[in-house]
Amino acid sequence: MNIQALMQQAQAMQKQVEKNVEAAKASLATKEVQGEAGNGLVKVTMTGRHVVKRLAIDPSLMDDEPDMIEDLVAATTGMGLPPSMKGLFG
């Protein structure tokens, strides 16, 4: 068994994994996801890099208490990426 050849193969595999991770990051950065709260009364669209692109608040909420709107906006924060993807955008 040639240890040097084995090490070179491991390094090549590591470089390929790093390249795949970078490609995944670039791909996710262009994706958009949408979350909603209050049965769709508040909707947030954001990118895979957690940049908010749009925030839509149903006009019927404007007559309600401001606290309710704030609570619904805060409720959309639970729409994060799957746990297996945490740390990709650190």
PDB file of N, CA and C in Angstrom:
ATOM      1  N   MET A   1       0.852  -1.187   0.000  1.00  0.00           N
ATOM      2  CA  MET A   1       0.000   0.000   0.000  1.00  0.00           C
ATOM      3  C   MET A   1       0.894   1.246   0.000  1.00  0.00           C
ATOM      4  N   ASN A   2       0.641   2.136  -0.898  1.00  0.00           N
ATOM      5  CA  ASN A   2       1.430   3.352  -1.055  1.00  0.00           C
ATOM      6  C   ASN A   2       0.761   4.494  -0.278  1.00  0.00           C
ATOM      7  N   ILE A   3       1.324   4.866   0.856  1.00  0.00           N
ATOM      8  CA  ILE A   3       0.760   5.914   1.716  1.00  0.00           C
ATOM      9  C   ILE A   3       0.718   7.253   0.998  1.00  0.00           C
ATOM     10  N   GLN A   4       1.733   7.574   0.240  1.00  0.00           N
ATOM     11  CA  GLN A   4       1.777   8.867  -0.459  1.00  0.00           C
ATOM     12  C   GLN A   4       0.643   8.963  -1.487  1.00  0.00           C
ATOM     13  N   ALA A   5       0.379   7.917  -2.213  1.00  0.00           N
ATOM     14  CA  ALA A   5      -0.715   7.917  -3.190  1.00  0.00           C
ATOM     15  C   ALA A   5      -2.052   8.043  -2.487  1.00  0.00           C
ATOM     16  N   LEU A   6      -2.185   7.391  -1.349  1.00  0.00           N
ATOM     17  CA  LEU A   6      -3.410   7.474  -0.561  1.00  0.00           C
ATOM     18  C   LEU A   6      -3.641   8.898  -0.055  1.00  0.00           C
ATOM     19  N   MET A   7      -2.589   9.555   0.386  1.00  0.00           N
ATOM     20  CA  MET A   7      -2.692  10.940   0.857  1.00  0.00           C
ATOM     21  C   MET A   7      -3.073  11.883  -0.281  1.00  0.00           C
ATOM     22  N   GLN A   8      -2.494  11.668  -1.450  1.00  0.00           N
ATOM     23  CA  GLN A   8      -2.827  12.501  -2.613  1.00  0.00           C
ATOM     24  C   GLN A   8      -4.291  12.320  -3.000  1.00  0.00           C
ATOM     25  N   GLN A   9      -4.767  11.087  -2.927  1.00  0.00           N
ATOM     26  CA  GLN A   9      -6.169  10.824  -3.247  1.00  0.00           C
ATOM     27  C   GLN A   9      -7.085  11.517  -2.233  1.00  0.00           C
ATOM     28  N   ALA A  10      -6.721  11.469  -0.954  1.00  0.00           N
ATOM     29  CA  ALA A  10      -7.511  12.127   0.089  1.00  0.00           C
ATOM     30  C   ALA A  10      -7.534  13.636  -0.126  1.00  0.00           C
ATOM     31  N   GLN A  11      -6.405  14.226  -0.500  1.00  0.00           N
ATOM     32  CA  GLN A  11      -6.353  15.672  -0.762  1.00  0.00           C
ATOM     33  C   GLN A  11      -7.217  16.043  -1.960  1.00  0.00           C
ATOM     34  N   ALA A  12      -7.190  15.223  -2.997  1.00  0.00           N
ATOM     35  CA  ALA A  12      -8.015  15.487  -4.175  1.00  0.00           C
ATOM     36  C   ALA A  12      -9.499  15.409  -3.823  1.00  0.00           C
ATOM     37  N   MET A  13      -9.856  14.447  -2.987  1.00  0.00           N
ATOM     38  CA  MET A  13     -11.248  14.323  -2.556  1.00  0.00           C
ATOM     39  C   MET A  13     -11.662  15.526  -1.721  1.00  0.00           C
ATOM     40  N   GLN A  14     -10.778  16.001  -0.862  1.00  0.00           N
ATOM     41  CA  GLN A  14     -11.076  17.167  -0.033  1.00  0.00           C
ATOM     42  C   GLN A  14     -11.299  18.404  -0.906  1.00  0.00           C
ATOM     43  N   LYS A  15     -10.486  18.595  -1.916  1.00  0.00           N
ATOM     44  CA  LYS A  15     -10.649  19.732  -2.823  1.00  0.00           C
ATOM     45  C   LYS A  15     -11.983  19.649  -3.555  1.00  0.00           C
ATOM     46  N   GLN A  16     -12.380  18.440  -3.943  1.00  0.00           N
ATOM     47  CA  GLN A  16     -13.651  18.264  -4.640  1.00  0.00           C
ATOM     48  C   GLN A  16     -14.820  18.591  -3.712  1.00  0.00           C
ATOM     49  N   VAL A  17     -14.732  18.170  -2.461  1.00  0.00           N
ATOM     50  CA  VAL A  17     -15.781  18.478  -1.488  1.00  0.00           C
ATOM     51  C   VAL A  17     -15.878  19.991  -1.286  1.00  0.00           C
ATOM     52  N   GLU A  18     -14.744  20.662  -1.153  1.00  0.00           N
ATOM     53  CA  GLU A  18     -14.736  22.119  -0.976  1.00  0.00           C
ATOM     54  C   GLU A  18     -15.361  22.811  -2.189  1.00  0.00           C
ATOM     55  N   LYS A  19     -15.055  22.314  -3.376  1.00  0.00           N
ATOM     56  CA  LYS A  19     -15.623  22.887  -4.595  1.00  0.00           C
ATOM     57  C   LYS A  19     -17.143  22.692  -4.616  1.00  0.00           C
ATOM     58  N   ASN A  20     -17.607  21.518  -4.189  1.00  0.00           N
ATOM     59  CA  ASN A  20     -19.050  21.242  -4.149  1.00  0.00           C
ATOM     60  C   ASN A  20     -19.764  22.130  -3.136  1.00  0.00           C
ATOM     61  N   VAL A  21     -19.133  22.374  -1.988  1.00  0.00           N
ATOM     62  CA  VAL A  21     -19.725  23.242  -0.965  1.00  0.00           C
ATOM     63  C   VAL A  21     -19.844  24.664  -1.501  1.00  0.00           C
ATOM     64  N   GLU A  22     -18.813  25.151  -2.166  1.00  0.00           N
ATOM     65  CA  GLU A  22     -18.863  26.500  -2.743  1.00  0.00           C
ATOM     66  C   GLU A  22     -19.954  26.602  -3.805  1.00  0.00           C
ATOM     67  N   ALA A  23     -20.107  25.574  -4.617  1.00  0.00           N
ATOM     68  CA  ALA A  23     -21.152  25.572  -5.645  1.00  0.00           C
ATOM     69  C   ALA A  23     -22.537  25.575  -4.994  1.00  0.00           C
ATOM     70  N   ALA A  24     -22.697  24.826  -3.914  1.00  0.00           N
ATOM     71  CA  ALA A  24     -23.976  24.802  -3.201  1.00  0.00           C
ATOM     72  C   ALA A  24     -24.294  26.163  -2.601  1.00  0.00           C
ATOM     73  N   LYS A  25     -23.287  26.812  -2.016  1.00  0.00           N
ATOM     74  CA  LYS A  25     -23.489  28.156  -1.453  1.00  0.00           C
ATOM     75  C   LYS A  25     -23.933  29.135  -2.536  1.00  0.00           C
ATOM     76  N   ALA A  26     -23.277  29.095  -3.677  1.00  0.00           N
ATOM     77  CA  ALA A  26     -23.618  30.010  -4.769  1.00  0.00           C
ATOM     78  C   ALA A  26     -25.029  29.743  -5.268  1.00  0.00           C
ATOM     79  N   SER A  27     -25.393  28.481  -5.357  1.00  0.00           N
ATOM     80  CA  SER A  27     -26.734  28.130  -5.824  1.00  0.00           C
ATOM     81  C   SER A  27     -27.803  28.585  -4.831  1.00  0.00           C
ATOM     82  N   LEU A  28     -27.577  28.347  -3.549  1.00  0.00           N
ATOM     83  CA  LEU A  28     -28.548  28.751  -2.532  1.00  0.00           C
ATOM     84  C   LEU A  28     -28.697  30.259  -2.441  1.00  0.00           C
ATOM     85  N   ALA A  29     -27.647  30.990  -2.710  1.00  0.00           N
ATOM     86  CA  ALA A  29     -27.709  32.448  -2.630  1.00  0.00           C
ATOM     87  C   ALA A  29     -28.722  33.019  -3.616  1.00  0.00           C
ATOM     88  N   THR A  30     -28.973  32.306  -4.702  1.00  0.00           N
ATOM     89  CA  THR A  30     -29.904  32.810  -5.719  1.00  0.00           C
ATOM     90  C   THR A  30     -31.330  32.324  -5.497  1.00  0.00           C
ATOM     91  N   LYS A  31     -31.529  31.391  -4.586  1.00  0.00           N
ATOM     92  CA  LYS A  31     -32.863  30.853  -4.316  1.00  0.00           C
ATOM     93  C   LYS A  31     -33.624  31.785  -3.387  1.00  0.00           C
ATOM     94  N   GLU A  32     -34.941  31.802  -3.533  1.00  0.00           N
ATOM     95  CA  GLU A  32     -35.791  32.574  -2.637  1.00  0.00           C
ATOM     96  C   GLU A  32     -36.791  31.639  -1.976  1.00  0.00           C
ATOM     97  N   VAL A  33     -37.060  31.883  -0.700  1.00  0.00           N
ATOM     98  CA  VAL A  33     -38.055  31.121   0.044  1.00  0.00           C
ATOM     99  C   VAL A  33     -39.060  32.098   0.626  1.00  0.00           C
ATOM    100  N   GLN A  34     -40.272  31.583   0.880  1.00  0.00           N
ATOM    101  CA  GLN A  34     -41.309  32.440   1.432  1.00  0.00           C
ATOM    102  C   GLN A  34     -41.858  31.804   2.692  1.00  0.00           C
ATOM    103  N   GLY A  35     -42.058  32.620   3.704  1.00  0.00           N
ATOM    104  CA  GLY A  35     -42.680  32.186   4.942  1.00  0.00           C
ATOM    105  C   GLY A  35     -43.874  33.068   5.210  1.00  0.00           C
ATOM    106  N   GLU A  36     -44.817  32.528   5.954  1.00  0.00           N
ATOM    107  CA  GLU A  36     -46.003  33.328   6.264  1.00  0.00           C
ATOM    108  C   GLU A  36     -46.471  33.045   7.676  1.00  0.00           C
ATOM    109  N   ALA A  37     -47.241  33.975   8.193  1.00  0.00           N
ATOM    110  CA  ALA A  37     -47.813  33.859   9.533  1.00  0.00           C
ATOM    111  C   ALA A  37     -49.233  34.394   9.493  1.00  0.00           C
ATOM    112  N   GLY A  38     -50.011  33.997  10.489  1.00  0.00           N
ATOM    113  CA  GLY A  38     -51.381  34.510  10.576  1.00  0.00           C
ATOM    114  C   GLY A  38     -52.230  34.081   9.405  1.00  0.00           C
ATOM    115  N   ASN A  39     -52.053  32.818   8.974  1.00  0.00           N
ATOM    116  CA  ASN A  39     -52.853  32.298   7.863  1.00  0.00           C
ATOM    117  C   ASN A  39     -52.646  33.112   6.586  1.00  0.00           C
ATOM    118  N   GLY A  40     -51.424  33.574   6.376  1.00  0.00           N
ATOM    119  CA  GLY A  40     -51.086  34.306   5.162  1.00  0.00           C
ATOM    120  C   GLY A  40     -51.258  35.809   5.251  1.00  0.00           C
ATOM    121  N   LEU A  41     -51.580  36.321   6.427  1.00  0.00           N
ATOM    122  CA  LEU A  41     -51.763  37.770   6.575  1.00  0.00           C
ATOM    123  C   LEU A  41     -50.439  38.518   6.485  1.00  0.00           C
ATOM    124  N   VAL A  42     -49.354  37.870   6.874  1.00  0.00           N
ATOM    125  CA  VAL A  42     -48.010  38.447   6.761  1.00  0.00           C
ATOM    126  C   VAL A  42     -47.145  37.445   6.012  1.00  0.00           C
ATOM    127  N   LYS A  43     -46.478  37.902   4.952  1.00  0.00           N
ATOM    128  CA  LYS A  43     -45.612  37.037   4.150  1.00  0.00           C
ATOM    129  C   LYS A  43     -44.249  37.698   3.986  1.00  0.00           C
ATOM    130  N   VAL A  44     -43.203  36.889   4.098  1.00  0.00           N
ATOM    131  CA  VAL A  44     -41.838  37.376   3.928  1.00  0.00           C
ATOM    132  C   VAL A  44     -41.152  36.498   2.893  1.00  0.00           C
ATOM    133  N   THR A  45     -40.473  37.136   1.940  1.00  0.00           N
ATOM    134  CA  THR A  45     -39.670  36.417   0.958  1.00  0.00           C
ATOM    135  C   THR A  45     -38.224  36.813   1.183  1.00  0.00           C
ATOM    136  N   MET A  46     -37.354  35.790   1.276  1.00  0.00           N
ATOM    137  CA  MET A  46     -35.940  36.073   1.497  1.00  0.00           C
ATOM    138  C   MET A  46     -35.078  35.111   0.701  1.00  0.00           C
ATOM    139  N   THR A  47     -33.816  35.510   0.539  1.00  0.00           N
ATOM    140  CA  THR A  47     -32.877  34.690  -0.224  1.00  0.00           C
ATOM    141  C   THR A  47     -32.232  33.649   0.682  1.00  0.00           C
ATOM    142  N   GLY A  48     -31.499  32.738   0.061  1.00  0.00           N
ATOM    143  CA  GLY A  48     -30.750  31.743   0.814  1.00  0.00           C
ATOM    144  C   GLY A  48     -29.654  32.343   1.671  1.00  0.00           C
ATOM    145  N   ARG A  49     -29.362  33.602   1.476  1.00  0.00           N
ATOM    146  CA  ARG A  49     -28.372  34.311   2.312  1.00  0.00           C
ATOM    147  C   ARG A  49     -29.055  35.138   3.396  1.00  0.00           C
ATOM    148  N   HIS A  50     -30.347  34.866   3.618  1.00  0.00           N
ATOM    149  CA  HIS A  50     -31.145  35.525   4.654  1.00  0.00           C
ATOM    150  C   HIS A  50     -31.358  37.012   4.402  1.00  0.00           C
ATOM    151  N   VAL A  51     -31.400  37.418   3.153  1.00  0.00           N
ATOM    152  CA  VAL A  51     -31.691  38.805   2.797  1.00  0.00           C
ATOM    153  C   VAL A  51     -33.183  38.900   2.497  1.00  0.00           C
ATOM    154  N   VAL A  52     -33.892  39.759   3.237  1.00  0.00           N
ATOM    155  CA  VAL A  52     -35.327  39.929   3.018  1.00  0.00           C
ATOM    156  C   VAL A  52     -35.536  40.693   1.716  1.00  0.00           C
ATOM    157  N   LYS A  53     -36.295  40.086   0.798  1.00  0.00           N
ATOM    158  CA  LYS A  53     -36.571  40.707  -0.496  1.00  0.00           C
ATOM    159  C   LYS A  53     -37.926  41.405  -0.503  1.00  0.00           C
ATOM    160  N   ARG A  54     -38.918  40.781   0.155  1.00  0.00           N
ATOM    161  CA  ARG A  54     -40.261  41.353   0.191  1.00  0.00           C
ATOM    162  C   ARG A  54     -40.919  41.070   1.534  1.00  0.00           C
ATOM    163  N   LEU A  55     -41.744  42.017   1.966  1.00  0.00           N
ATOM    164  CA  LEU A  55     -42.570  41.856   3.155  1.00  0.00           C
ATOM    165  C   LEU A  55     -43.963  42.327   2.772  1.00  0.00           C
ATOM    166  N   ALA A  56     -44.934  41.438   2.861  1.00  0.00           N
ATOM    167  CA  ALA A  56     -46.309  41.790   2.502  1.00  0.00           C
ATOM    168  C   ALA A  56     -47.198  41.661   3.734  1.00  0.00           C
ATOM    169  N   ILE A  57     -47.913  42.735   4.047  1.00  0.00           N
ATOM    170  CA  ILE A  57     -48.833  42.747   5.180  1.00  0.00           C
ATOM    171  C   ILE A  57     -50.228  43.006   4.631  1.00  0.00           C
ATOM    172  N   ASP A  58     -51.148  42.109   4.940  1.00  0.00           N
ATOM    173  CA  ASP A  58     -52.525  42.257   4.472  1.00  0.00           C
ATOM    174  C   ASP A  58     -53.101  43.566   4.999  1.00  0.00           C
ATOM    175  N   PRO A  59     -53.730  44.367   4.124  1.00  0.00           N
ATOM    176  CA  PRO A  59     -54.270  45.675   4.550  1.00  0.00           C
ATOM    177  C   PRO A  59     -55.280  45.588   5.689  1.00  0.00           C
ATOM    178  N   SER A  60     -55.953  44.460   5.824  1.00  0.00           N
ATOM    179  CA  SER A  60     -56.932  44.344   6.907  1.00  0.00           C
ATOM    180  C   SER A  60     -56.275  44.413   8.279  1.00  0.00           C
ATOM    181  N   LEU A  61     -54.990  44.131   8.350  1.00  0.00           N
ATOM    182  CA  LEU A  61     -54.278  44.208   9.634  1.00  0.00           C
ATOM    183  C   LEU A  61     -54.029  45.638  10.082  1.00  0.00           C
ATOM    184  N   MET A  62     -54.075  46.568   9.161  1.00  0.00           N
ATOM    185  CA  MET A  62     -53.761  47.957   9.504  1.00  0.00           C
ATOM    186  C   MET A  62     -54.784  48.542  10.473  1.00  0.00           C
ATOM    187  N   ASP A  63     -55.975  47.940  10.521  1.00  0.00           N
ATOM    188  CA  ASP A  63     -57.000  48.411  11.449  1.00  0.00           C
ATOM    189  C   ASP A  63     -56.822  47.823  12.847  1.00  0.00           C
ATOM    190  N   ASP A  64     -56.012  46.778  12.952  1.00  0.00           N
ATOM    191  CA  ASP A  64     -55.811  46.106  14.237  1.00  0.00           C
ATOM    192  C   ASP A  64     -54.719  46.787  15.049  1.00  0.00           C
ATOM    193  N   GLU A  65     -54.450  46.208  16.185  1.00  0.00           N
ATOM    194  CA  GLU A  65     -53.412  46.705  17.068  1.00  0.00           C
ATOM    195  C   GLU A  65     -52.038  46.534  16.418  1.00  0.00           C
ATOM    196  N   PRO A  66     -51.165  47.535  16.534  1.00  0.00           N
ATOM    197  CA  PRO A  66     -49.809  47.395  15.993  1.00  0.00           C
ATOM    198  C   PRO A  66     -49.050  46.202  16.585  1.00  0.00           C
ATOM    199  N   ASP A  67     -49.353  45.870  17.835  1.00  0.00           N
ATOM    200  CA  ASP A  67     -48.679  44.727  18.471  1.00  0.00           C
ATOM    201  C   ASP A  67     -48.943  43.435  17.709  1.00  0.00           C
ATOM    202  N   MET A  68     -50.140  43.291  17.167  1.00  0.00           N
ATOM    203  CA  MET A  68     -50.479  42.081  16.430  1.00  0.00           C
ATOM    204  C   MET A  68     -49.641  41.967  15.159  1.00  0.00           C
ATOM    205  N   ILE A  69     -49.458  43.072  14.470  1.00  0.00           N
ATOM    206  CA  ILE A  69     -48.643  43.070  13.255  1.00  0.00           C
ATOM    207  C   ILE A  69     -47.201  42.706  13.609  1.00  0.00           C
ATOM    208  N   GLU A  70     -46.684  43.307  14.662  1.00  0.00           N
ATOM    209  CA  GLU A  70     -45.310  43.006  15.087  1.00  0.00           C
ATOM    210  C   GLU A  70     -45.159  41.531  15.435  1.00  0.00           C
ATOM    211  N   ASP A  71     -46.146  40.961  16.116  1.00  0.00           N
ATOM    212  CA  ASP A  71     -46.092  39.541  16.479  1.00  0.00           C
ATOM    213  C   ASP A  71     -46.102  38.651  15.237  1.00  0.00           C
ATOM    214  N   LEU A  72     -46.919  38.997  14.257  1.00  0.00           N
ATOM    215  CA  LEU A  72     -46.990  38.196  13.032  1.00  0.00           C
ATOM    216  C   LEU A  72     -45.696  38.287  12.228  1.00  0.00           C
ATOM    217  N   VAL A  73     -45.098  39.472  12.173  1.00  0.00           N
ATOM    218  CA  VAL A  73     -43.817  39.612  11.471  1.00  0.00           C
ATOM    219  C   VAL A  73     -42.748  38.792  12.196  1.00  0.00           C
ATOM    220  N   ALA A  74     -42.732  38.869  13.513  1.00  0.00           N
ATOM    221  CA  ALA A  74     -41.756  38.102  14.289  1.00  0.00           C
ATOM    222  C   ALA A  74     -41.971  36.602  14.110  1.00  0.00           C
ATOM    223  N   ALA A  75     -43.205  36.169  13.915  1.00  0.00           N
ATOM    224  CA  ALA A  75     -43.502  34.739  13.753  1.00  0.00           C
ATOM    225  C   ALA A  75     -42.903  34.178  12.469  1.00  0.00           C
ATOM    226  N   THR A  76     -42.638  35.013  11.478  1.00  0.00           N
ATOM    227  CA  THR A  76     -42.054  34.516  10.217  1.00  0.00           C
ATOM    228  C   THR A  76     -40.575  34.214  10.355  1.00  0.00           C
ATOM    229  N   THR A  77     -39.960  34.569  11.483  1.00  0.00           N
ATOM    230  CA  THR A  77     -38.531  34.307  11.632  1.00  0.00           C
ATOM    231  C   THR A  77     -38.229  32.825  11.787  1.00  0.00           C
ATOM    232  N   GLY A  78     -39.229  32.009  12.012  1.00  0.00           N
ATOM    233  CA  GLY A  78     -39.018  30.578  12.167  1.00  0.00           C
ATOM    234  C   GLY A  78     -38.869  29.829  10.863  1.00  0.00           C
ATOM    235  N   MET A  79     -38.691  30.528   9.744  1.00  0.00           N
ATOM    236  CA  MET A  79     -38.658  29.870   8.436  1.00  0.00           C
ATOM    237  C   MET A  79     -37.245  29.592   7.954  1.00  0.00           C
ATOM    238  N   GLY A  80     -36.305  29.389   8.862  1.00  0.00           N
ATOM    239  CA  GLY A  80     -34.906  29.237   8.495  1.00  0.00           C
ATOM    240  C   GLY A  80     -34.615  28.038   7.607  1.00  0.00           C
ATOM    241  N   LEU A  81     -33.371  27.917   7.235  1.00  0.00           N
ATOM    242  CA  LEU A  81     -32.913  26.801   6.419  1.00  0.00           C
ATOM    243  C   LEU A  81     -32.925  25.518   7.243  1.00  0.00           C
ATOM    244  N   PRO A  82     -32.957  24.380   6.586  1.00  0.00           N
ATOM    245  CA  PRO A  82     -32.910  23.110   7.319  1.00  0.00           C
ATOM    246  C   PRO A  82     -31.661  23.033   8.194  1.00  0.00           C
ATOM    247  N   PRO A  83     -31.756  22.327   9.330  1.00  0.00           N
ATOM    248  CA  PRO A  83     -30.615  22.240  10.252  1.00  0.00           C
ATOM    249  C   PRO A  83     -29.334  21.752   9.594  1.00  0.00           C
ATOM    250  N   SER A  84     -29.450  20.900   8.605  1.00  0.00           N
ATOM    251  CA  SER A  84     -28.250  20.369   7.956  1.00  0.00           C
ATOM    252  C   SER A  84     -27.485  21.440   7.178  1.00  0.00           C
ATOM    253  N   MET A  85     -28.101  22.603   6.944  1.00  0.00           N
ATOM    254  CA  MET A  85     -27.458  23.661   6.163  1.00  0.00           C
ATOM    255  C   MET A  85     -26.936  24.789   7.045  1.00  0.00           C
ATOM    256  N   LYS A  86     -27.140  24.692   8.356  1.00  0.00           N
ATOM    257  CA  LYS A  86     -26.644  25.746   9.243  1.00  0.00           C
ATOM    258  C   LYS A  86     -25.133  25.813   9.135  1.00  0.00           C
ATOM    259  N   GLY A  87     -24.602  26.999   9.144  1.00  0.00           N
ATOM    260  CA  GLY A  87     -23.159  27.188   9.061  1.00  0.00           C
ATOM    261  C   GLY A  87     -22.646  27.385   7.653  1.00  0.00           C
ATOM    262  N   LEU A  88     -23.481  27.139   6.652  1.00  0.00           N
ATOM    263  CA  LEU A  88     -23.035  27.337   5.277  1.00  0.00           C
ATOM    264  C   LEU A  88     -22.825  28.811   4.959  1.00  0.00           C
ATOM    265  N   PHE A  89     -23.552  29.678   5.661  1.00  0.00           N
ATOM    266  CA  PHE A  89     -23.496  31.093   5.330  1.00  0.00           C
ATOM    267  C   PHE A  89     -22.921  31.918   6.458  1.00  0.00           C
ATOM    268  N   GLY A  90     -22.046  31.341   7.253  1.00  0.00           N
ATOM    269  CA  GLY A  90     -21.513  32.026   8.431  1.00  0.00           C
ATOM    270  C   GLY A  90     -20.597  33.080   8.144  1.00  0.00           C
TER     271      GLY A  90
END
